[in-house]
Amino acid sequence: MADQLPPDLDLCAIPSGPPPPGVVPNLVDPVNLRSSIIAVSAVMTAWSAIFTFARLYNNKDKLKWADCKSS
């Protein structure tokens, strides 16, 4: 199938098929999830940092040089 398409064809510019019945495609102004992704990423990064520092603080007397090694 790939050898039937011209090499300079932009596949993002043509639809792959018709949408299901009852679905209206919105290709002009699609939904933007940028703010949601940034918010979830910020919250998860903060939680991971809090848990990492809490674990390091609680185990500060038990840590040895081998705990810093990656392998």
Protein backbone atom coordinates (compact mmCIF):
# COMPACT_ATOMS: atom_id res chain seq x y z
CA MET A 1 0.00 0.00 0.00
CA ALA A 2 2.83 2.40 0.80
CA ASP A 3 4.25 2.03 -2.70
CA GLN A 4 0.92 3.26 -4.17
CA LEU A 5 1.19 6.70 -2.53
CA PRO A 6 3.27 9.46 -4.06
CA PRO A 7 6.42 10.22 -2.03
CA ASP A 8 5.59 13.92 -1.50
CA LEU A 9 2.04 13.33 -0.16
CA ASP A 10 1.31 14.81 3.28
CA LEU A 11 -0.68 12.11 5.09
CA CYS A 12 -1.77 14.58 7.77
CA ALA A 13 -3.67 16.61 5.18
CA ILE A 14 -6.01 13.82 4.07
CA PRO A 15 -8.58 12.01 6.24
CA SER A 16 -8.15 8.30 6.87
CA GLY A 17 -11.86 7.61 6.59
CA PRO A 18 -15.33 8.90 7.45
CA PRO A 19 -16.18 9.44 11.15
CA PRO A 20 -18.69 7.16 12.89
CA PRO A 21 -22.39 8.03 12.60
CA GLY A 22 -23.36 10.92 14.85
CA VAL A 23 -19.82 12.30 15.20
CA VAL A 24 -19.06 15.71 13.74
CA PRO A 25 -15.32 16.24 13.20
CA ASN A 26 -13.89 19.52 14.50
CA LEU A 27 -10.73 20.03 12.49
CA VAL A 28 -10.83 23.85 12.54
CA ASP A 29 -10.70 24.46 16.31
CA PRO A 30 -9.90 21.17 18.12
CA VAL A 31 -9.94 20.78 21.89
CA ASN A 32 -6.69 21.89 23.52
CA LEU A 33 -5.48 19.87 26.51
CA ARG A 34 -2.26 21.85 27.04
CA SER A 35 -3.31 23.44 30.35
CA SER A 36 -4.54 20.12 31.75
CA ILE A 37 -1.30 18.36 30.84
CA ILE A 38 0.79 21.11 32.43
CA ALA A 39 -1.31 21.05 35.62
CA VAL A 40 -1.17 17.27 36.02
CA SER A 41 2.57 17.21 35.27
CA ALA A 42 3.26 19.94 37.85
CA VAL A 43 1.24 18.18 40.55
CA MET A 44 2.85 14.79 39.88
CA THR A 45 6.34 16.32 39.83
CA ALA A 46 5.70 18.04 43.15
CA TRP A 47 4.38 14.84 44.74
CA SER A 48 7.33 12.79 43.48
CA ALA A 49 9.79 15.37 44.82
CA ILE A 50 8.06 15.43 48.22
CA PHE A 51 8.07 11.65 48.52
CA THR A 52 11.68 11.36 47.35
CA PHE A 53 12.97 13.94 49.83
CA ALA A 54 10.87 12.44 52.64
CA ARG A 55 12.33 8.99 51.92
CA LEU A 56 15.87 10.37 51.84
CA TYR A 57 15.31 12.30 55.07
CA ASN A 58 13.89 9.29 56.89
CA ASN A 59 16.74 7.02 55.75
CA LYS A 60 19.58 9.53 56.06
CA ASP A 61 21.36 7.48 58.77
CA LYS A 62 21.08 4.21 56.82
CA LEU A 63 22.36 5.44 53.46
CA LYS A 64 25.72 4.17 52.27
CA TRP A 65 27.87 4.86 49.20
CA ALA A 66 26.31 1.90 47.36
CA ASP A 67 22.87 3.56 47.54
CA CYS A 68 24.10 6.29 45.22
CA LYS A 69 25.23 3.84 42.55
CA SER A 70 22.83 3.27 39.66
CA SER A 71 23.76 -0.37 39.01
